N, C-alpha and C. Protein backbone atom coordinates (compact mmCIF):
# COMPACT_ATOMS: atom_id res chain seq x y z
N UNK A 1 107.59 101.59 91.97
CA UNK A 1 108.10 102.74 91.30
C UNK A 1 109.30 102.38 90.43
N UNK A 2 110.07 103.39 90.15
CA UNK A 2 111.23 103.26 89.27
C UNK A 2 112.26 102.26 89.82
N UNK A 3 112.42 102.23 91.13
CA UNK A 3 113.39 101.34 91.75
C UNK A 3 113.11 99.89 91.35
N UNK A 4 111.85 99.50 91.38
CA UNK A 4 111.49 98.14 91.00
C UNK A 4 111.38 98.01 89.48
N UNK A 5 110.76 98.97 88.82
CA UNK A 5 110.51 98.89 87.38
C UNK A 5 111.79 98.86 86.56
N UNK A 6 112.84 99.53 87.01
CA UNK A 6 114.08 99.60 86.25
C UNK A 6 115.13 98.57 86.71
N UNK A 7 114.70 97.60 87.49
CA UNK A 7 115.57 96.49 87.81
C UNK A 7 116.56 96.71 88.94
N UNK A 8 116.36 97.71 89.76
CA UNK A 8 117.27 97.93 90.88
C UNK A 8 117.01 96.95 92.02
N UNK A 9 115.78 96.48 92.15
CA UNK A 9 115.41 95.56 93.23
C UNK A 9 115.86 94.14 92.86
N UNK A 10 116.66 93.49 93.70
CA UNK A 10 117.19 92.17 93.36
C UNK A 10 116.23 91.01 93.64
N UNK A 11 114.98 91.34 93.99
CA UNK A 11 113.98 90.30 94.25
C UNK A 11 112.67 90.67 93.55
N UNK A 12 111.86 89.64 93.34
CA UNK A 12 110.49 89.84 92.88
C UNK A 12 109.61 89.69 94.11
N UNK A 13 108.76 90.69 94.35
CA UNK A 13 107.95 90.71 95.56
C UNK A 13 106.69 89.88 95.41
N UNK A 14 106.33 89.19 96.48
CA UNK A 14 105.10 88.40 96.53
C UNK A 14 104.25 88.85 97.70
N UNK A 15 103.31 88.03 98.11
CA UNK A 15 102.42 88.40 99.21
C UNK A 15 103.16 88.52 100.54
N UNK A 16 102.58 89.30 101.44
CA UNK A 16 103.15 89.47 102.78
C UNK A 16 102.65 88.35 103.69
N UNK A 17 103.51 87.94 104.61
CA UNK A 17 103.19 86.92 105.61
C UNK A 17 103.54 87.45 106.99
N UNK A 18 102.74 87.03 107.98
CA UNK A 18 103.07 87.32 109.38
C UNK A 18 102.25 86.40 110.26
N UNK A 19 102.44 86.56 111.56
CA UNK A 19 101.66 85.79 112.52
C UNK A 19 102.32 84.52 113.01
N UNK A 20 103.54 84.25 112.54
CA UNK A 20 104.25 83.05 112.97
C UNK A 20 105.68 83.44 113.33
N UNK A 21 106.13 83.15 114.54
CA UNK A 21 107.51 83.48 114.92
C UNK A 21 108.51 82.72 114.06
N UNK A 22 109.48 83.44 113.51
CA UNK A 22 110.53 82.84 112.69
C UNK A 22 111.88 83.36 113.13
N UNK A 23 112.91 82.68 112.70
CA UNK A 23 114.28 83.12 112.97
C UNK A 23 115.11 82.87 111.73
N UNK A 24 116.34 83.37 111.73
CA UNK A 24 117.23 83.10 110.61
C UNK A 24 117.69 81.65 110.69
N UNK A 25 117.76 81.01 109.55
CA UNK A 25 118.34 79.67 109.46
C UNK A 25 119.84 79.88 109.29
N UNK A 26 120.60 79.78 110.38
CA UNK A 26 122.03 80.06 110.34
C UNK A 26 122.78 79.10 109.41
N UNK A 27 122.23 77.92 109.17
CA UNK A 27 122.86 76.98 108.23
C UNK A 27 122.74 77.47 106.78
N UNK A 28 121.80 78.39 106.54
CA UNK A 28 121.60 78.88 105.18
C UNK A 28 122.50 80.08 104.84
N UNK A 29 123.19 80.63 105.82
CA UNK A 29 124.03 81.81 105.58
C UNK A 29 125.12 81.47 104.57
N UNK A 30 125.27 82.32 103.59
CA UNK A 30 126.22 82.09 102.50
C UNK A 30 127.64 81.84 103.01
N UNK A 31 128.39 81.11 102.25
CA UNK A 31 129.81 80.88 102.55
C UNK A 31 130.69 81.86 101.77
N UNK A 32 130.07 82.63 100.87
CA UNK A 32 130.80 83.60 100.04
C UNK A 32 131.38 84.68 100.95
N UNK A 33 132.72 84.78 101.05
CA UNK A 33 133.33 85.73 101.98
C UNK A 33 132.95 87.19 101.71
N UNK A 34 132.67 87.53 100.47
CA UNK A 34 132.30 88.92 100.14
C UNK A 34 130.92 89.28 100.69
N UNK A 35 130.06 88.28 100.88
CA UNK A 35 128.70 88.52 101.38
C UNK A 35 128.53 88.10 102.83
N UNK A 36 129.29 87.10 103.26
CA UNK A 36 129.18 86.61 104.64
C UNK A 36 129.49 87.70 105.65
N UNK A 37 130.25 88.70 105.25
CA UNK A 37 130.58 89.81 106.14
C UNK A 37 129.32 90.49 106.68
N UNK A 38 128.21 90.41 105.95
CA UNK A 38 126.95 90.98 106.44
C UNK A 38 126.47 90.30 107.71
N UNK A 39 126.94 89.09 107.97
CA UNK A 39 126.54 88.34 109.16
C UNK A 39 127.66 88.21 110.18
N UNK A 40 128.75 88.93 109.99
CA UNK A 40 129.83 88.90 110.99
C UNK A 40 129.29 89.28 112.36
N UNK A 41 129.50 88.45 113.33
CA UNK A 41 129.06 88.71 114.70
C UNK A 41 127.61 88.34 114.97
N UNK A 42 126.86 87.96 113.96
CA UNK A 42 125.45 87.58 114.16
C UNK A 42 125.40 86.09 114.47
N UNK A 43 124.79 85.76 115.60
CA UNK A 43 124.64 84.35 115.97
C UNK A 43 123.18 83.92 115.90
N UNK A 44 122.27 84.90 115.84
CA UNK A 44 120.84 84.59 115.71
C UNK A 44 120.12 85.85 115.24
N UNK A 45 118.92 85.67 114.75
CA UNK A 45 118.04 86.79 114.40
C UNK A 45 116.62 86.28 114.57
N UNK A 46 115.90 86.88 115.52
CA UNK A 46 114.53 86.49 115.85
C UNK A 46 113.58 87.52 115.26
N UNK A 47 112.69 87.09 114.39
CA UNK A 47 111.75 87.99 113.73
C UNK A 47 110.64 88.49 114.62
N UNK A 48 110.58 88.02 115.86
CA UNK A 48 109.52 88.45 116.77
C UNK A 48 108.25 87.62 116.57
N UNK A 49 107.21 87.93 117.33
CA UNK A 49 106.00 87.11 117.29
C UNK A 49 105.27 87.14 115.94
N UNK A 50 105.42 88.21 115.19
CA UNK A 50 104.76 88.32 113.89
C UNK A 50 105.67 87.91 112.74
N UNK A 51 106.97 88.19 112.84
CA UNK A 51 107.96 87.89 111.79
C UNK A 51 107.46 88.29 110.41
N UNK A 52 106.98 89.51 110.31
CA UNK A 52 106.42 90.01 109.05
C UNK A 52 107.49 90.01 107.95
N UNK A 53 107.14 89.41 106.81
CA UNK A 53 108.05 89.35 105.66
C UNK A 53 107.22 89.10 104.41
N UNK A 54 107.83 89.18 103.27
CA UNK A 54 107.16 88.90 102.01
C UNK A 54 107.74 87.65 101.37
N UNK A 55 106.91 86.97 100.63
CA UNK A 55 107.43 85.87 99.80
C UNK A 55 108.16 86.54 98.65
N UNK A 56 109.45 86.31 98.56
CA UNK A 56 110.25 86.92 97.50
C UNK A 56 111.03 85.84 96.75
N UNK A 57 111.37 86.16 95.52
CA UNK A 57 112.22 85.29 94.71
C UNK A 57 113.36 86.13 94.16
N UNK A 58 114.52 85.52 93.98
CA UNK A 58 115.64 86.22 93.37
C UNK A 58 115.23 86.60 91.96
N UNK A 59 115.56 87.83 91.54
CA UNK A 59 115.05 88.34 90.27
C UNK A 59 116.00 88.17 89.09
N UNK A 60 117.22 87.72 89.32
CA UNK A 60 118.13 87.56 88.20
C UNK A 60 119.45 86.99 88.63
N UNK A 61 120.34 86.76 87.66
CA UNK A 61 121.63 86.14 87.97
C UNK A 61 122.54 87.01 88.83
N UNK A 62 122.28 88.31 88.90
CA UNK A 62 123.10 89.19 89.74
C UNK A 62 122.60 89.22 91.19
N UNK A 63 121.48 88.54 91.47
CA UNK A 63 120.93 88.48 92.83
C UNK A 63 121.60 87.34 93.60
N UNK A 64 122.04 87.64 94.82
CA UNK A 64 122.74 86.65 95.64
C UNK A 64 121.99 86.45 96.96
N UNK A 65 121.68 85.20 97.26
CA UNK A 65 121.04 84.87 98.53
C UNK A 65 122.09 84.87 99.62
N UNK A 66 121.82 85.60 100.69
CA UNK A 66 122.76 85.65 101.83
C UNK A 66 122.26 84.76 102.96
N UNK A 67 120.94 84.78 103.25
CA UNK A 67 120.39 83.95 104.32
C UNK A 67 118.89 83.79 104.13
N UNK A 68 118.36 82.73 104.74
CA UNK A 68 116.92 82.44 104.67
C UNK A 68 116.29 82.49 106.06
N UNK A 69 114.98 82.75 106.06
CA UNK A 69 114.19 82.57 107.27
C UNK A 69 114.10 81.08 107.57
N UNK A 70 113.69 80.73 108.77
CA UNK A 70 113.54 79.32 109.15
C UNK A 70 112.44 78.62 108.35
N UNK A 71 111.59 79.35 107.64
CA UNK A 71 110.57 78.74 106.78
C UNK A 71 111.05 78.62 105.32
N UNK A 72 112.32 78.96 105.06
CA UNK A 72 112.90 78.81 103.73
C UNK A 72 112.81 80.03 102.84
N UNK A 73 112.06 81.05 103.22
CA UNK A 73 111.93 82.26 102.42
C UNK A 73 113.19 83.11 102.58
N UNK A 74 113.69 83.73 101.50
CA UNK A 74 114.87 84.58 101.62
C UNK A 74 114.69 85.70 102.66
N UNK A 75 115.68 85.85 103.54
CA UNK A 75 115.70 86.90 104.54
C UNK A 75 116.59 88.06 104.09
N UNK A 76 117.78 87.74 103.59
CA UNK A 76 118.72 88.76 103.10
C UNK A 76 119.16 88.39 101.69
N UNK A 77 119.01 89.35 100.78
CA UNK A 77 119.42 89.18 99.39
C UNK A 77 120.23 90.40 98.99
N UNK A 78 121.29 90.18 98.23
CA UNK A 78 122.11 91.28 97.71
C UNK A 78 122.02 91.26 96.19
N UNK A 79 121.75 92.42 95.63
CA UNK A 79 121.80 92.61 94.18
C UNK A 79 123.15 93.20 93.84
N UNK A 80 123.95 92.45 93.12
CA UNK A 80 125.29 92.93 92.75
C UNK A 80 125.18 94.00 91.67
N UNK A 81 126.17 94.89 91.59
CA UNK A 81 126.12 95.96 90.59
C UNK A 81 125.99 95.39 89.17
N UNK A 82 125.11 96.01 88.39
CA UNK A 82 124.97 95.68 86.97
C UNK A 82 124.16 96.78 86.29
N UNK A 83 124.34 96.95 85.03
CA UNK A 83 123.58 97.95 84.30
C UNK A 83 123.63 99.32 84.96
N UNK A 84 122.47 99.90 85.22
CA UNK A 84 122.38 101.22 85.86
C UNK A 84 122.78 101.18 87.33
N UNK A 85 122.67 100.00 87.93
CA UNK A 85 122.96 99.89 89.37
C UNK A 85 124.47 99.85 89.55
N UNK A 86 125.04 100.92 90.08
CA UNK A 86 126.49 101.05 90.23
C UNK A 86 127.01 100.51 91.57
N UNK A 87 126.10 100.21 92.47
CA UNK A 87 126.49 99.68 93.78
C UNK A 87 125.55 98.54 94.15
N UNK A 88 125.94 97.75 95.12
CA UNK A 88 125.11 96.64 95.58
C UNK A 88 123.88 97.19 96.31
N UNK A 89 122.78 96.44 96.21
CA UNK A 89 121.54 96.76 96.92
C UNK A 89 121.26 95.59 97.86
N UNK A 90 121.05 95.88 99.14
CA UNK A 90 120.78 94.84 100.12
C UNK A 90 119.31 94.90 100.51
N UNK A 91 118.63 93.75 100.44
CA UNK A 91 117.24 93.64 100.84
C UNK A 91 117.18 92.85 102.14
N UNK A 92 116.61 93.46 103.18
CA UNK A 92 116.32 92.76 104.43
C UNK A 92 114.82 92.53 104.42
N UNK A 93 114.43 91.28 104.22
CA UNK A 93 113.03 90.92 104.08
C UNK A 93 112.42 90.70 105.46
N UNK A 94 112.25 91.80 106.20
CA UNK A 94 111.71 91.75 107.55
C UNK A 94 111.04 93.09 107.86
N UNK A 95 110.19 93.08 108.86
CA UNK A 95 109.59 94.33 109.33
C UNK A 95 110.73 95.29 109.67
N UNK A 96 110.62 96.54 109.23
CA UNK A 96 111.77 97.44 109.39
C UNK A 96 112.06 97.89 110.82
N UNK A 97 111.12 97.75 111.73
CA UNK A 97 111.38 98.22 113.10
C UNK A 97 111.66 97.06 114.04
N UNK A 98 112.48 97.35 115.04
CA UNK A 98 112.80 96.33 116.04
C UNK A 98 111.92 96.53 117.27
N UNK A 99 112.10 95.66 118.25
CA UNK A 99 111.35 95.78 119.50
C UNK A 99 111.73 97.04 120.26
N UNK A 100 112.84 97.66 119.91
CA UNK A 100 113.18 98.94 120.52
C UNK A 100 112.13 100.00 120.19
N UNK A 101 111.53 99.91 119.00
CA UNK A 101 110.54 100.89 118.56
C UNK A 101 109.11 100.37 118.68
N UNK A 102 108.90 99.08 118.52
CA UNK A 102 107.57 98.49 118.54
C UNK A 102 107.63 97.17 119.31
N UNK A 103 107.29 97.23 120.58
CA UNK A 103 107.45 96.07 121.46
C UNK A 103 106.69 94.83 120.99
N UNK A 104 105.51 94.99 120.42
CA UNK A 104 104.68 93.83 120.08
C UNK A 104 104.98 93.22 118.71
N UNK A 105 105.43 94.01 117.75
CA UNK A 105 105.49 93.51 116.39
C UNK A 105 106.86 93.57 115.72
N UNK A 106 107.83 94.16 116.34
CA UNK A 106 109.14 94.28 115.70
C UNK A 106 109.99 93.02 115.86
N UNK A 107 111.10 92.99 115.10
CA UNK A 107 112.05 91.89 115.29
C UNK A 107 112.77 92.13 116.60
N UNK A 108 113.22 91.09 117.23
CA UNK A 108 113.81 91.14 118.56
C UNK A 108 115.22 91.73 118.51
N UNK A 109 115.37 92.96 118.98
CA UNK A 109 116.66 93.65 118.91
C UNK A 109 117.73 92.98 119.77
N UNK A 110 117.34 92.15 120.71
CA UNK A 110 118.31 91.45 121.54
C UNK A 110 118.83 90.16 120.92
N UNK A 111 118.34 89.83 119.73
CA UNK A 111 118.68 88.53 119.15
C UNK A 111 119.88 88.55 118.22
N UNK A 112 120.40 89.70 117.88
CA UNK A 112 121.52 89.70 116.94
C UNK A 112 122.72 90.42 117.48
């Protein structure tokens, strides 16, 4: 829709992947203090048995990588304000529900 067509989305979406347990690569977490705050207190993030995510690429120079999945695919990306976008947009490239809501397929709520 308009969100993607007008450049609000800081990533280009690709195919969906699942079926392989993944976690955050903590070594990939940004050192940028303005963005690292998103991971304050996080020591791990387990995507669960499916670790559903999409292959995404940063869509422009205003897109900032915050962290990657253990397979190298971006997990968290921030689109900095530019043009019509007056505020930052955060993309969490993971299934939106945790194991609190979906025991079999969500990300592990006890992991972060």
